[in-house]
Amino acid sequence: HKAAKDEAISFFVEKSMGEFQKDFLNDLKSKFKQKLNVIIADNELETRRACSNFLRENYGEIEKKLKSQGFEHFNEFETELRSFQQFILEHGPLGPGRREIMLEFVKNALSDGALYFLNTVVSELDLQKQMSSETIRKLESNIKENKDEMIQERESLFK
């Protein structure tokens, strides 16, 4: 970029003349700067788009495995996600801010995975609590029945 800009300015200075040369040169430099900013913004946008597509295409298998309870423990998920992180850093699309985009995705995936495992544990604990409550209720009922039977037997013995 810099070499092309310098060459264009040299060409302009060489070919231009008159009292407005300096004004036109400043205008030319301003247009170069504006064009460069547009190109940088477009490049950042395209990098973000390419990274998003790459991540969506390559994370699907891990996500399916997570949703189908293919990971027995959170540590397994985390290890696979770290391997995926290394893969995307090595093979992901190039561009400005790509590393930050990829790491942000991995951070969010890790957070979502942790939440999924946490919700699974909470559901299992709720189920255990329900089962325990049911067992306690049955045992209390049995105790009451046995107590009532013993009272009746005692009363029948004393009659």
C-alpha atoms as a PDB file:
ATOM      1  CA  HIS A   1       0.000   0.000   0.000  1.00  0.00           C
ATOM      2  CA  LYS A   2       2.696   2.471   1.029  1.00  0.00           C
ATOM      3  CA  ALA A   3       4.783   1.925  -2.117  1.00  0.00           C
ATOM      4  CA  ALA A   4       1.755   2.459  -4.379  1.00  0.00           C
ATOM      5  CA  LYS A   5       0.757   5.564  -2.441  1.00  0.00           C
ATOM      6  CA  ASP A   6       4.278   7.010  -2.648  1.00  0.00           C
ATOM      7  CA  GLU A   7       4.448   6.275  -6.368  1.00  0.00           C
ATOM      8  CA  ALA A   8       1.081   7.969  -6.992  1.00  0.00           C
ATOM      9  CA  ILE A   9       2.107  11.043  -5.010  1.00  0.00           C
ATOM     10  CA  SER A  10       5.433  11.250  -6.871  1.00  0.00           C
ATOM     11  CA  PHE A  11       3.615  10.967 -10.195  1.00  0.00           C
ATOM     12  CA  PHE A  12       1.124  13.659  -9.139  1.00  0.00           C
ATOM     13  CA  VAL A  13       3.867  16.042  -7.986  1.00  0.00           C
ATOM     14  CA  GLU A  14       5.812  15.430 -11.200  1.00  0.00           C
ATOM     15  CA  LYS A  15       2.828  16.058 -13.493  1.00  0.00           C
ATOM     16  CA  SER A  16       0.967  18.777 -11.587  1.00  0.00           C
ATOM     17  CA  MET A  17       1.621  22.472 -11.668  1.00  0.00           C
ATOM     18  CA  GLY A  18       0.043  25.682 -10.612  1.00  0.00           C
ATOM     19  CA  GLU A  19      -0.860  27.446  -7.440  1.00  0.00           C
ATOM     20  CA  PHE A  20      -3.368  24.783  -6.270  1.00  0.00           C
ATOM     21  CA  GLN A  21      -0.873  21.912  -6.453  1.00  0.00           C
ATOM     22  CA  LYS A  22      -0.497  21.750  -2.664  1.00  0.00           C
ATOM     23  CA  ASP A  23      -4.290  21.786  -2.120  1.00  0.00           C
ATOM     24  CA  PHE A  24      -4.799  19.026  -4.672  1.00  0.00           C
ATOM     25  CA  LEU A  25      -1.946  17.012  -3.136  1.00  0.00           C
ATOM     26  CA  ASN A  26      -3.562  17.275   0.316  1.00  0.00           C
ATOM     27  CA  ASP A  27      -6.892  16.279  -1.227  1.00  0.00           C
ATOM     28  CA  LEU A  28      -5.223  13.279  -2.889  1.00  0.00           C
ATOM     29  CA  LYS A  29      -3.640  12.192   0.408  1.00  0.00           C
ATOM     30  CA  SER A  30      -7.010  12.556   2.136  1.00  0.00           C
ATOM     31  CA  LYS A  31      -8.689  10.380  -0.497  1.00  0.00           C
ATOM     32  CA  PHE A  32      -5.950   7.755  -0.083  1.00  0.00           C
ATOM     33  CA  LYS A  33      -6.564   7.731   3.662  1.00  0.00           C
ATOM     34  CA  GLN A  34     -10.345   7.438   3.209  1.00  0.00           C
ATOM     35  CA  LYS A  35      -9.973   4.632   0.685  1.00  0.00           C
ATOM     36  CA  LEU A  36      -7.541   2.798   2.976  1.00  0.00           C
ATOM     37  CA  ASN A  37     -10.002   3.063   5.886  1.00  0.00           C
ATOM     38  CA  VAL A  38     -12.791   1.649   3.705  1.00  0.00           C
ATOM     39  CA  ILE A  39     -10.552  -1.236   2.603  1.00  0.00           C
ATOM     40  CA  ILE A  40      -9.529  -1.957   6.203  1.00  0.00           C
ATOM     41  CA  ALA A  41     -13.161  -1.971   7.354  1.00  0.00           C
ATOM     42  CA  ASP A  42     -14.184  -4.242   4.464  1.00  0.00           C
ATOM     43  CA  ASN A  43     -11.286  -6.567   5.228  1.00  0.00           C
ATOM     44  CA  GLU A  44     -12.252  -6.768   8.900  1.00  0.00           C
ATOM     45  CA  LEU A  45     -15.866  -7.483   7.962  1.00  0.00           C
ATOM     46  CA  GLU A  46     -14.860 -10.179   5.479  1.00  0.00           C
ATOM     47  CA  THR A  47     -12.501 -11.737   8.035  1.00  0.00           C
ATOM     48  CA  ARG A  48     -15.308 -11.840  10.604  1.00  0.00           C
ATOM     49  CA  ARG A  49     -17.656 -13.414   8.036  1.00  0.00           C
ATOM     50  CA  ALA A  50     -15.074 -15.993   6.908  1.00  0.00           C
ATOM     51  CA  CYS A  51     -14.213 -16.877  10.507  1.00  0.00           C
ATOM     52  CA  SER A  52     -17.881 -17.247  11.446  1.00  0.00           C
ATOM     53  CA  ASN A  53     -18.503 -19.574   8.505  1.00  0.00           C
ATOM     54  CA  PHE A  54     -15.375 -21.600   9.273  1.00  0.00           C
ATOM     55  CA  LEU A  55     -16.326 -21.933  12.933  1.00  0.00           C
ATOM     56  CA  ARG A  56     -19.927 -22.885  12.178  1.00  0.00           C
ATOM     57  CA  GLU A  57     -18.836 -25.553   9.700  1.00  0.00           C
ATOM     58  CA  ASN A  58     -16.172 -27.075  11.948  1.00  0.00           C
ATOM     59  CA  TYR A  59     -17.792 -26.844  15.390  1.00  0.00           C
ATOM     60  CA  GLY A  60     -20.916 -28.769  14.405  1.00  0.00           C
ATOM     61  CA  GLU A  61     -19.554 -32.198  15.314  1.00  0.00           C
ATOM     62  CA  ILE A  62     -18.503 -31.099  18.791  1.00  0.00           C
ATOM     63  CA  GLU A  63     -21.861 -29.425  19.345  1.00  0.00           C
ATOM     64  CA  LYS A  64     -23.740 -32.565  18.230  1.00  0.00           C
ATOM     65  CA  LYS A  65     -21.631 -34.692  20.545  1.00  0.00           C
ATOM     66  CA  LEU A  66     -22.340 -32.311  23.431  1.00  0.00           C
ATOM     67  CA  LYS A  67     -26.109 -32.234  22.818  1.00  0.00           C
ATOM     68  CA  SER A  68     -26.287 -36.012  22.493  1.00  0.00           C
ATOM     69  CA  GLN A  69     -24.403 -36.438  25.774  1.00  0.00           C
ATOM     70  CA  GLY A  70     -21.354 -37.836  23.976  1.00  0.00           C
ATOM     71  CA  PHE A  71     -19.084 -36.362  26.615  1.00  0.00           C
ATOM     72  CA  GLU A  72     -19.137 -38.200  29.895  1.00  0.00           C
ATOM     73  CA  HIS A  73     -17.446 -35.359  31.798  1.00  0.00           C
ATOM     74  CA  PHE A  74     -16.912 -31.657  31.289  1.00  0.00           C
ATOM     75  CA  ASN A  75     -13.144 -32.249  31.131  1.00  0.00           C
ATOM     76  CA  GLU A  76     -13.600 -34.352  27.985  1.00  0.00           C
ATOM     77  CA  PHE A  77     -15.537 -31.523  26.365  1.00  0.00           C
ATOM     78  CA  GLU A  78     -12.924 -28.976  27.422  1.00  0.00           C
ATOM     79  CA  THR A  79     -10.070 -31.105  26.038  1.00  0.00           C
ATOM     80  CA  GLU A  80     -11.834 -31.492  22.695  1.00  0.00           C
ATOM     81  CA  LEU A  81     -12.565 -27.771  22.608  1.00  0.00           C
ATOM     82  CA  ARG A  82      -8.878 -26.983  23.264  1.00  0.00           C
ATOM     83  CA  SER A  83      -7.922 -29.257  20.357  1.00  0.00           C
ATOM     84  CA  PHE A  84     -10.488 -27.468  18.210  1.00  0.00           C
ATOM     85  CA  GLN A  85      -8.986 -24.139  19.271  1.00  0.00           C
ATOM     86  CA  GLN A  86      -5.560 -25.265  18.101  1.00  0.00           C
ATOM     87  CA  PHE A  87      -7.054 -26.515  14.829  1.00  0.00           C
ATOM     88  CA  ILE A  88      -8.785 -23.223  14.079  1.00  0.00           C
ATOM     89  CA  LEU A  89      -5.695 -21.197  14.895  1.00  0.00           C
ATOM     90  CA  GLU A  90      -3.668 -23.341  12.495  1.00  0.00           C
ATOM     91  CA  HIS A  91      -6.218 -23.779   9.704  1.00  0.00           C
ATOM     92  CA  GLY A  92      -8.714 -20.944  10.083  1.00  0.00           C
ATOM     93  CA  PRO A  93      -9.034 -18.088   7.604  1.00  0.00           C
ATOM     94  CA  LEU A  94      -6.468 -15.320   7.788  1.00  0.00           C
ATOM     95  CA  GLY A  95      -7.251 -11.681   8.367  1.00  0.00           C
ATOM     96  CA  PRO A  96      -7.145  -8.880  10.889  1.00  0.00           C
ATOM     97  CA  GLY A  97      -8.455  -9.785  14.317  1.00  0.00           C
ATOM     98  CA  ARG A  98      -8.881 -13.453  13.394  1.00  0.00           C
ATOM     99  CA  ARG A  99      -7.212 -14.709  16.565  1.00  0.00           C
ATOM    100  CA  GLU A 100      -9.522 -12.608  18.741  1.00  0.00           C
ATOM    101  CA  ILE A 101     -12.580 -13.757  16.791  1.00  0.00           C
ATOM    102  CA  MET A 102     -11.590 -17.404  17.143  1.00  0.00           C
ATOM    103  CA  LEU A 103     -10.741 -17.110  20.848  1.00  0.00           C
ATOM    104  CA  GLU A 104     -14.007 -15.295  21.556  1.00  0.00           C
ATOM    105  CA  PHE A 105     -15.886 -18.143  19.869  1.00  0.00           C
ATOM    106  CA  VAL A 106     -14.025 -20.769  21.914  1.00  0.00           C
ATOM    107  CA  LYS A 107     -14.677 -18.823  25.120  1.00  0.00           C
ATOM    108  CA  ASN A 108     -18.404 -18.683  24.319  1.00  0.00           C
ATOM    109  CA  ALA A 109     -18.485 -22.375  23.367  1.00  0.00           C
ATOM    110  CA  LEU A 110     -16.741 -23.270  26.618  1.00  0.00           C
ATOM    111  CA  SER A 111     -19.225 -21.182  28.574  1.00  0.00           C
ATOM    112  CA  ASP A 112     -22.196 -22.721  26.733  1.00  0.00           C
ATOM    113  CA  GLY A 113     -20.786 -26.210  27.317  1.00  0.00           C
ATOM    114  CA  ALA A 114     -20.298 -25.532  31.018  1.00  0.00           C
ATOM    115  CA  LEU A 115     -23.879 -24.273  31.243  1.00  0.00           C
ATOM    116  CA  TYR A 116     -25.117 -27.394  29.439  1.00  0.00           C
ATOM    117  CA  PHE A 117     -23.240 -29.671  31.872  1.00  0.00           C
ATOM    118  CA  LEU A 118     -24.475 -27.634  34.820  1.00  0.00           C
ATOM    119  CA  ASN A 119     -28.086 -27.871  33.634  1.00  0.00           C
ATOM    120  CA  THR A 120     -27.658 -31.620  33.174  1.00  0.00           C
ATOM    121  CA  VAL A 121     -26.352 -31.989  36.719  1.00  0.00           C
ATOM    122  CA  VAL A 122     -29.187 -29.843  38.083  1.00  0.00           C
ATOM    123  CA  SER A 123     -31.738 -31.985  36.228  1.00  0.00           C
ATOM    124  CA  GLU A 124     -30.175 -35.162  37.597  1.00  0.00           C
ATOM    125  CA  LEU A 125     -30.194 -33.714  41.111  1.00  0.00           C
ATOM    126  CA  ASP A 126     -33.849 -32.731  40.761  1.00  0.00           C
ATOM    127  CA  LEU A 127     -34.678 -36.259  39.639  1.00  0.00           C
ATOM    128  CA  GLN A 128     -32.737 -37.707  42.590  1.00  0.00           C
ATOM    129  CA  LYS A 129     -34.569 -35.332  44.918  1.00  0.00           C
ATOM    130  CA  GLN A 130     -37.952 -36.423  43.548  1.00  0.00           C
ATOM    131  CA  MET A 131     -37.012 -40.078  43.875  1.00  0.00           C
ATOM    132  CA  SER A 132     -35.750 -39.529  47.424  1.00  0.00           C
ATOM    133  CA  SER A 133     -38.932 -37.682  48.357  1.00  0.00           C
ATOM    134  CA  GLU A 134     -41.023 -40.513  46.954  1.00  0.00           C
ATOM    135  CA  THR A 135     -38.965 -43.084  48.853  1.00  0.00           C
ATOM    136  CA  ILE A 136     -39.286 -41.082  52.090  1.00  0.00           C
ATOM    137  CA  ARG A 137     -43.030 -40.789  51.574  1.00  0.00           C
ATOM    138  CA  LYS A 138     -43.346 -44.555  51.027  1.00  0.00           C
ATOM    139  CA  LEU A 139     -41.195 -45.354  54.062  1.00  0.00           C
ATOM    140  CA  GLU A 140     -43.178 -42.964  56.246  1.00  0.00           C
ATOM    141  CA  SER A 141     -46.382 -44.608  55.008  1.00  0.00           C
ATOM    142  CA  ASN A 142     -44.959 -48.062  55.800  1.00  0.00           C
ATOM    143  CA  ILE A 143     -43.919 -46.904  59.256  1.00  0.00           C
ATOM    144  CA  LYS A 144     -47.415 -45.551  59.916  1.00  0.00           C
ATOM    145  CA  GLU A 145     -49.007 -48.770  58.683  1.00  0.00           C
ATOM    146  CA  ASN A 146     -46.659 -50.891  60.820  1.00  0.00           C
ATOM    147  CA  LYS A 147     -47.309 -48.677  63.819  1.00  0.00           C
ATOM    148  CA  ASP A 148     -51.059 -48.955  63.321  1.00  0.00           C
ATOM    149  CA  GLU A 149     -50.760 -52.740  62.985  1.00  0.00           C
ATOM    150  CA  MET A 150     -48.701 -52.946  66.161  1.00  0.00           C
ATOM    151  CA  ILE A 151     -51.217 -50.837  68.042  1.00  0.00           C
ATOM    152  CA  GLN A 152     -54.045 -53.101  66.846  1.00  0.00           C
ATOM    153  CA  GLU A 153     -52.095 -56.206  67.794  1.00  0.00           C
ATOM    154  CA  ARG A 154     -51.325 -54.811  71.205  1.00  0.00           C
ATOM    155  CA  GLU A 155     -54.949 -53.895  71.748  1.00  0.00           C
ATOM    156  CA  SER A 156     -56.074 -57.335  70.631  1.00  0.00           C
ATOM    157  CA  LEU A 157     -53.595 -58.968  73.044  1.00  0.00           C
ATOM    158  CA  PHE A 158     -54.884 -56.957  75.966  1.00  0.00           C
ATOM    159  CA  LYS A 159     -58.524 -57.720  75.307  1.00  0.00           C
END
